[in-house]
Amino acid sequence: MDPRSLGILVAALGIALVVIGGLISLGPFSWFGRLPGDIRIETGSTRIYIPVTTMLLLSVVLSLLGAIFRRFQ
């Protein structure tokens, strides 16, 4: 892979992450990260957040997408 195409790939991934972040925080995916099973501990000025269910869901979705893309290559 030449450096130019790698640069374009990194830039595209960065833009995609910004768009996904905006959708998660403002749009239709605002529930993402607030699922039952996600652990939140807030005491005083300390906040601990462990997104167990969210990461399991994300893992399943990414595994399915990977399997689909591998099948069509």
PDB file of N, CA and C in Angstrom:
ATOM      1  N   MET A   1       0.855  -1.171   0.000  1.00  0.00           N
ATOM      2  CA  MET A   1       0.000   0.000   0.000  1.00  0.00           C
ATOM      3  C   MET A   1       0.900   1.233   0.000  1.00  0.00           C
ATOM      4  N   ASP A   2       0.665   2.120  -0.943  1.00  0.00           N
ATOM      5  CA  ASP A   2       1.517   3.300  -1.006  1.00  0.00           C
ATOM      6  C   ASP A   2       1.080   4.332   0.041  1.00  0.00           C
ATOM      7  N   PRO A   3       1.961   5.252   0.421  1.00  0.00           N
ATOM      8  CA  PRO A   3       1.660   6.223   1.488  1.00  0.00           C
ATOM      9  C   PRO A   3       0.455   7.108   1.187  1.00  0.00           C
ATOM     10  N   ARG A   4       0.226   7.430  -0.082  1.00  0.00           N
ATOM     11  CA  ARG A   4      -0.902   8.295  -0.413  1.00  0.00           C
ATOM     12  C   ARG A   4      -2.233   7.607  -0.112  1.00  0.00           C
ATOM     13  N   SER A   5      -2.370   6.364  -0.510  1.00  0.00           N
ATOM     14  CA  SER A   5      -3.628   5.652  -0.255  1.00  0.00           C
ATOM     15  C   SER A   5      -3.810   5.385   1.244  1.00  0.00           C
ATOM     16  N   LEU A   6      -2.703   5.171   1.954  1.00  0.00           N
ATOM     17  CA  LEU A   6      -2.795   4.996   3.403  1.00  0.00           C
ATOM     18  C   LEU A   6      -3.282   6.284   4.064  1.00  0.00           C
ATOM     19  N   GLY A   7      -2.782   7.416   3.596  1.00  0.00           N
ATOM     20  CA  GLY A   7      -3.223   8.705   4.132  1.00  0.00           C
ATOM     21  C   GLY A   7      -4.696   8.951   3.894  1.00  0.00           C
ATOM     22  N   ILE A   8      -5.169   8.601   2.703  1.00  0.00           N
ATOM     23  CA  ILE A   8      -6.592   8.760   2.382  1.00  0.00           C
ATOM     24  C   ILE A   8      -7.436   7.841   3.263  1.00  0.00           C
ATOM     25  N   LEU A   9      -6.968   6.632   3.487  1.00  0.00           N
ATOM     26  CA  LEU A   9      -7.686   5.693   4.346  1.00  0.00           C
ATOM     27  C   LEU A   9      -7.781   6.218   5.777  1.00  0.00           C
ATOM     28  N   VAL A  10      -6.682   6.736   6.309  1.00  0.00           N
ATOM     29  CA  VAL A  10      -6.684   7.261   7.681  1.00  0.00           C
ATOM     30  C   VAL A  10      -7.608   8.475   7.784  1.00  0.00           C
ATOM     31  N   ALA A  11      -7.578   9.352   6.778  1.00  0.00           N
ATOM     32  CA  ALA A  11      -8.460  10.521   6.786  1.00  0.00           C
ATOM     33  C   ALA A  11      -9.927  10.108   6.714  1.00  0.00           C
ATOM     34  N   ALA A  12     -10.244   9.128   5.883  1.00  0.00           N
ATOM     35  CA  ALA A  12     -11.626   8.647   5.763  1.00  0.00           C
ATOM     36  C   ALA A  12     -12.097   8.019   7.069  1.00  0.00           C
ATOM     37  N   LEU A  13     -11.236   7.248   7.709  1.00  0.00           N
ATOM     38  CA  LEU A  13     -11.613   6.647   8.996  1.00  0.00           C
ATOM     39  C   LEU A  13     -11.832   7.727  10.056  1.00  0.00           C
ATOM     40  N   GLY A  14     -11.006   8.768  10.043  1.00  0.00           N
ATOM     41  CA  GLY A  14     -11.179   9.866  10.991  1.00  0.00           C
ATOM     42  C   GLY A  14     -12.494  10.584  10.798  1.00  0.00           C
ATOM     43  N   ILE A  15     -12.845  10.857   9.549  1.00  0.00           N
ATOM     44  CA  ILE A  15     -14.121  11.518   9.258  1.00  0.00           C
ATOM     45  C   ILE A  15     -15.284  10.620   9.662  1.00  0.00           C
ATOM     46  N   ALA A  16     -15.171   9.330   9.396  1.00  0.00           N
ATOM     47  CA  ALA A  16     -16.229   8.394   9.782  1.00  0.00           C
ATOM     48  C   ALA A  16     -16.405   8.356  11.297  1.00  0.00           C
ATOM     49  N   LEU A  17     -15.296   8.393  12.043  1.00  0.00           N
ATOM     50  CA  LEU A  17     -15.393   8.394  13.508  1.00  0.00           C
ATOM     51  C   LEU A  17     -16.056   9.664  14.021  1.00  0.00           C
ATOM     52  N   VAL A  18     -15.779  10.802  13.407  1.00  0.00           N
ATOM     53  CA  VAL A  18     -16.417  12.055  13.815  1.00  0.00           C
ATOM     54  C   VAL A  18     -17.921  11.991  13.551  1.00  0.00           C
ATOM     55  N   VAL A  19     -18.311  11.478  12.399  1.00  0.00           N
ATOM     56  CA  VAL A  19     -19.736  11.364  12.078  1.00  0.00           C
ATOM     57  C   VAL A  19     -20.431  10.402  13.026  1.00  0.00           C
ATOM     58  N   ILE A  20     -19.823   9.262  13.292  1.00  0.00           N
ATOM     59  CA  ILE A  20     -20.407   8.281  14.211  1.00  0.00           C
ATOM     60  C   ILE A  20     -20.510   8.871  15.612  1.00  0.00           C
ATOM     61  N   GLY A  21     -19.492   9.590  16.048  1.00  0.00           N
ATOM     62  CA  GLY A  21     -19.534  10.238  17.359  1.00  0.00           C
ATOM     63  C   GLY A  21     -20.661  11.246  17.455  1.00  0.00           C
ATOM     64  N   GLY A  22     -20.875  12.007  16.399  1.00  0.00           N
ATOM     65  CA  GLY A  22     -21.982  12.961  16.387  1.00  0.00           C
ATOM     66  C   GLY A  22     -23.331  12.279  16.443  1.00  0.00           C
ATOM     67  N   LEU A  23     -23.478  11.175  15.698  1.00  0.00           N
ATOM     68  CA  LEU A  23     -24.736  10.434  15.733  1.00  0.00           C
ATOM     69  C   LEU A  23     -25.000   9.841  17.113  1.00  0.00           C
ATOM     70  N   ILE A  24     -23.942   9.374  17.754  1.00  0.00           N
ATOM     71  CA  ILE A  24     -24.108   8.768  19.073  1.00  0.00           C
ATOM     72  C   ILE A  24     -24.485   9.815  20.108  1.00  0.00           C
ATOM     73  N   SER A  25     -23.846  10.969  20.071  1.00  0.00           N
ATOM     74  CA  SER A  25     -24.091  11.956  21.118  1.00  0.00           C
ATOM     75  C   SER A  25     -25.339  12.800  20.871  1.00  0.00           C
ATOM     76  N   LEU A  26     -25.692  13.064  19.624  1.00  0.00           N
ATOM     77  CA  LEU A  26     -26.793  13.983  19.347  1.00  0.00           C
ATOM     78  C   LEU A  26     -28.005  13.336  18.691  1.00  0.00           C
ATOM     79  N   GLY A  27     -27.786  12.335  17.923  1.00  0.00           N
ATOM     80  CA  GLY A  27     -28.831  11.833  17.052  1.00  0.00           C
ATOM     81  C   GLY A  27     -29.540  10.599  17.538  1.00  0.00           C
ATOM     82  N   PRO A  28     -29.883   9.764  16.595  1.00  0.00           N
ATOM     83  CA  PRO A  28     -30.711   8.597  16.885  1.00  0.00           C
ATOM     84  C   PRO A  28     -30.012   7.521  17.713  1.00  0.00           C
ATOM     85  N   PHE A  29     -28.694   7.632  17.901  1.00  0.00           N
ATOM     86  CA  PHE A  29     -27.981   6.635  18.686  1.00  0.00           C
ATOM     87  C   PHE A  29     -27.613   7.172  20.068  1.00  0.00           C
ATOM     88  N   SER A  30     -28.412   8.084  20.607  1.00  0.00           N
ATOM     89  CA  SER A  30     -28.102   8.646  21.926  1.00  0.00           C
ATOM     90  C   SER A  30     -28.258   7.608  23.042  1.00  0.00           C
ATOM     91  N   TRP A  31     -28.942   6.504  22.773  1.00  0.00           N
ATOM     92  CA  TRP A  31     -29.091   5.422  23.754  1.00  0.00           C
ATOM     93  C   TRP A  31     -27.814   4.610  23.873  1.00  0.00           C
ATOM     94  N   PHE A  32     -26.922   4.730  22.880  1.00  0.00           N
ATOM     95  CA  PHE A  32     -25.697   3.946  22.845  1.00  0.00           C
ATOM     96  C   PHE A  32     -24.818   4.313  24.029  1.00  0.00           C
ATOM     97  N   GLY A  33     -24.485   3.342  24.857  1.00  0.00           N
ATOM     98  CA  GLY A  33     -23.690   3.603  26.052  1.00  0.00           C
ATOM     99  C   GLY A  33     -24.532   3.735  27.314  1.00  0.00           C
ATOM    100  N   ARG A  34     -25.836   3.648  27.159  1.00  0.00           N
ATOM    101  CA  ARG A  34     -26.740   3.752  28.308  1.00  0.00           C
ATOM    102  C   ARG A  34     -27.667   2.536  28.386  1.00  0.00           C
ATOM    103  N   LEU A  35     -27.153   1.403  27.980  1.00  0.00           N
ATOM    104  CA  LEU A  35     -27.957   0.186  27.966  1.00  0.00           C
ATOM    105  C   LEU A  35     -28.003  -0.456  29.351  1.00  0.00           C
ATOM    106  N   PRO A  36     -29.042  -1.251  29.620  1.00  0.00           N
ATOM    107  CA  PRO A  36     -29.058  -2.004  30.868  1.00  0.00           C
ATOM    108  C   PRO A  36     -27.866  -2.962  30.880  1.00  0.00           C
ATOM    109  N   GLY A  37     -27.145  -3.001  31.946  1.00  0.00           N
ATOM    110  CA  GLY A  37     -25.953  -3.831  32.034  1.00  0.00           C
ATOM    111  C   GLY A  37     -24.675  -3.026  31.963  1.00  0.00           C
ATOM    112  N   ASP A  38     -24.760  -1.779  31.491  1.00  0.00           N
ATOM    113  CA  ASP A  38     -23.614  -0.887  31.534  1.00  0.00           C
ATOM    114  C   ASP A  38     -23.473  -0.386  32.969  1.00  0.00           C
ATOM    115  N   ILE A  39     -22.277  -0.453  33.505  1.00  0.00           N
ATOM    116  CA  ILE A  39     -22.046  -0.128  34.910  1.00  0.00           C
ATOM    117  C   ILE A  39     -21.602   1.327  35.028  1.00  0.00           C
ATOM    118  N   ARG A  40     -22.321   2.096  35.853  1.00  0.00           N
ATOM    119  CA  ARG A  40     -21.978   3.492  36.133  1.00  0.00           C
ATOM    120  C   ARG A  40     -21.892   3.678  37.637  1.00  0.00           C
ATOM    121  N   ILE A  41     -20.768   4.203  38.078  1.00  0.00           N
ATOM    122  CA  ILE A  41     -20.584   4.498  39.495  1.00  0.00           C
ATOM    123  C   ILE A  41     -20.183   5.961  39.588  1.00  0.00           C
ATOM    124  N   GLU A  42     -21.019   6.762  40.250  1.00  0.00           N
ATOM    125  CA  GLU A  42     -20.734   8.187  40.419  1.00  0.00           C
ATOM    126  C   GLU A  42     -20.800   8.527  41.900  1.00  0.00           C
ATOM    127  N   THR A  43     -19.671   8.938  42.450  1.00  0.00           N
ATOM    128  CA  THR A  43     -19.618   9.364  43.845  1.00  0.00           C
ATOM    129  C   THR A  43     -18.793  10.641  43.921  1.00  0.00           C
ATOM    130  N   GLY A  44     -19.422  11.712  44.338  1.00  0.00           N
ATOM    131  CA  GLY A  44     -18.703  12.975  44.465  1.00  0.00           C
ATOM    132  C   GLY A  44     -18.106  13.410  43.140  1.00  0.00           C
ATOM    133  N   SER A  45     -16.800  13.537  43.092  1.00  0.00           N
ATOM    134  CA  SER A  45     -16.132  13.966  41.864  1.00  0.00           C
ATOM    135  C   SER A  45     -15.576  12.784  41.069  1.00  0.00           C
ATOM    136  N   THR A  46     -15.859  11.574  41.499  1.00  0.00           N
ATOM    137  CA  THR A  46     -15.349  10.384  40.820  1.00  0.00           C
ATOM    138  C   THR A  46     -16.444   9.745  39.983  1.00  0.00           C
ATOM    139  N   ARG A  47     -16.101   9.452  38.730  1.00  0.00           N
ATOM    140  CA  ARG A  47     -17.047   8.770  37.850  1.00  0.00           C
ATOM    141  C   ARG A  47     -16.343   7.572  37.231  1.00  0.00           C
ATOM    142  N   ILE A  48     -16.964   6.411  37.351  1.00  0.00           N
ATOM    143  CA  ILE A  48     -16.443   5.183  36.747  1.00  0.00           C
ATOM    144  C   ILE A  48     -17.536   4.645  35.838  1.00  0.00           C
ATOM    145  N   TYR A  49     -17.174   4.370  34.604  1.00  0.00           N
ATOM    146  CA  TYR A  49     -18.131   3.888  33.622  1.00  0.00           C
ATOM    147  C   TYR A  49     -17.549   2.670  32.929  1.00  0.00           C
ATOM    148  N   ILE A  50     -18.271   1.551  32.984  1.00  0.00           N
ATOM    149  CA  ILE A  50     -17.840   0.308  32.352  1.00  0.00           C
ATOM    150  C   ILE A  50     -18.973  -0.159  31.433  1.00  0.00           C
ATOM    151  N   PRO A  51     -18.840   0.081  30.115  1.00  0.00           N
ATOM    152  CA  PRO A  51     -19.929  -0.225  29.171  1.00  0.00           C
ATOM    153  C   PRO A  51     -19.948  -1.695  28.735  1.00  0.00           C
ATOM    154  N   VAL A  52     -20.297  -2.579  29.640  1.00  0.00           N
ATOM    155  CA  VAL A  52     -20.261  -4.020  29.367  1.00  0.00           C
ATOM    156  C   VAL A  52     -21.228  -4.404  28.249  1.00  0.00           C
ATOM    157  N   THR A  53     -22.494  -4.072  28.381  1.00  0.00           N
ATOM    158  CA  THR A  53     -23.505  -4.456  27.401  1.00  0.00           C
ATOM    159  C   THR A  53     -23.263  -3.774  26.058  1.00  0.00           C
ATOM    160  N   THR A  54     -22.880  -2.515  26.096  1.00  0.00           N
ATOM    161  CA  THR A  54     -22.619  -1.784  24.862  1.00  0.00           C
ATOM    162  C   THR A  54     -21.483  -2.436  24.084  1.00  0.00           C
ATOM    163  N   MET A  55     -20.418  -2.846  24.756  1.00  0.00           N
ATOM    164  CA  MET A  55     -19.288  -3.455  24.068  1.00  0.00           C
ATOM    165  C   MET A  55     -19.627  -4.851  23.552  1.00  0.00           C
ATOM    166  N   LEU A  56     -20.479  -5.585  24.270  1.00  0.00           N
ATOM    167  CA  LEU A  56     -20.926  -6.887  23.765  1.00  0.00           C
ATOM    168  C   LEU A  56     -21.749  -6.716  22.486  1.00  0.00           C
ATOM    169  N   LEU A  57     -22.644  -5.741  22.492  1.00  0.00           N
ATOM    170  CA  LEU A  57     -23.459  -5.456  21.318  1.00  0.00           C
ATOM    171  C   LEU A  57     -22.580  -5.020  20.148  1.00  0.00           C
ATOM    172  N   LEU A  58     -21.630  -4.147  20.398  1.00  0.00           N
ATOM    173  CA  LEU A  58     -20.720  -3.675  19.359  1.00  0.00           C
ATOM    174  C   LEU A  58     -19.882  -4.829  18.805  1.00  0.00           C
ATOM    175  N   SER A  59     -19.445  -5.726  19.659  1.00  0.00           N
ATOM    176  CA  SER A  59     -18.658  -6.879  19.234  1.00  0.00           C
ATOM    177  C   SER A  59     -19.469  -7.791  18.319  1.00  0.00           C
ATOM    178  N   VAL A  60     -20.721  -8.036  18.667  1.00  0.00           N
ATOM    179  CA  VAL A  60     -21.577  -8.889  17.841  1.00  0.00           C
ATOM    180  C   VAL A  60     -21.817  -8.248  16.475  1.00  0.00           C
ATOM    181  N   VAL A  61     -22.108  -6.953  16.460  1.00  0.00           N
ATOM    182  CA  VAL A  61     -22.371  -6.257  15.203  1.00  0.00           C
ATOM    183  C   VAL A  61     -21.129  -6.264  14.313  1.00  0.00           C
ATOM    184  N   LEU A  62     -19.965  -5.947  14.873  1.00  0.00           N
ATOM    185  CA  LEU A  62     -18.738  -5.933  14.083  1.00  0.00           C
ATOM    186  C   LEU A  62     -18.363  -7.334  13.596  1.00  0.00           C
ATOM    187  N   SER A  63     -18.611  -8.357  14.406  1.00  0.00           N
ATOM    188  CA  SER A  63     -18.347  -9.736  13.972  1.00  0.00           C
ATOM    189  C   SER A  63     -19.251 -10.126  12.808  1.00  0.00           C
ATOM    190  N   LEU A  64     -20.521  -9.747  12.879  1.00  0.00           N
ATOM    191  CA  LEU A  64     -21.440 -10.036  11.778  1.00  0.00           C
ATOM    192  C   LEU A  64     -21.036  -9.292  10.513  1.00  0.00           C
ATOM    193  N   LEU A  65     -20.664  -8.027  10.633  1.00  0.00           N
ATOM    194  CA  LEU A  65     -20.216  -7.258   9.473  1.00  0.00           C
ATOM    195  C   LEU A  65     -18.953  -7.866   8.866  1.00  0.00           C
ATOM    196  N   GLY A  66     -18.028  -8.269   9.720  1.00  0.00           N
ATOM    197  CA  GLY A  66     -16.813  -8.923   9.234  1.00  0.00           C
ATOM    198  C   GLY A  66     -17.103 -10.213   8.491  1.00  0.00           C
ATOM    199  N   ALA A  67     -18.022 -11.007   9.006  1.00  0.00           N
ATOM    200  CA  ALA A  67     -18.391 -12.261   8.353  1.00  0.00           C
ATOM    201  C   ALA A  67     -19.063 -11.989   7.006  1.00  0.00           C
ATOM    202  N   ILE A  68     -19.888 -10.966   6.950  1.00  0.00           N
ATOM    203  CA  ILE A  68     -20.553 -10.615   5.684  1.00  0.00           C
ATOM    204  C   ILE A  68     -19.535 -10.160   4.651  1.00  0.00           C
ATOM    205  N   PHE A  69     -18.606  -9.288   5.058  1.00  0.00           N
ATOM    206  CA  PHE A  69     -17.604  -8.782   4.115  1.00  0.00           C
ATOM    207  C   PHE A  69     -16.669  -9.893   3.656  1.00  0.00           C
ATOM    208  N   ARG A  70     -16.315 -10.808   4.544  1.00  0.00           N
ATOM    209  CA  ARG A  70     -15.444 -11.924   4.161  1.00  0.00           C
ATOM    210  C   ARG A  70     -16.139 -12.836   3.160  1.00  0.00           C
ATOM    211  N   ARG A  71     -17.436 -12.984   3.318  1.00  0.00           N
ATOM    212  CA  ARG A  71     -18.195 -13.874   2.435  1.00  0.00           C
ATOM    213  C   ARG A  71     -18.247 -13.317   1.016  1.00  0.00           C
ATOM    214  N   PHE A  72     -18.304 -11.997   0.860  1.00  0.00           N
ATOM    215  CA  PHE A  72     -18.448 -11.388  -0.451  1.00  0.00           C
ATOM    216  C   PHE A  72     -17.129 -10.973  -1.083  1.00  0.00           C
ATOM    217  N   GLN A  73     -16.008 -11.378  -0.531  1.00  0.00           N
ATOM    218  CA  GLN A  73     -14.710 -11.046  -1.138  1.00  0.00           C
ATOM    219  C   GLN A  73     -14.334 -12.038  -2.180  1.00  0.00           C
TER     220      GLN A  73
END
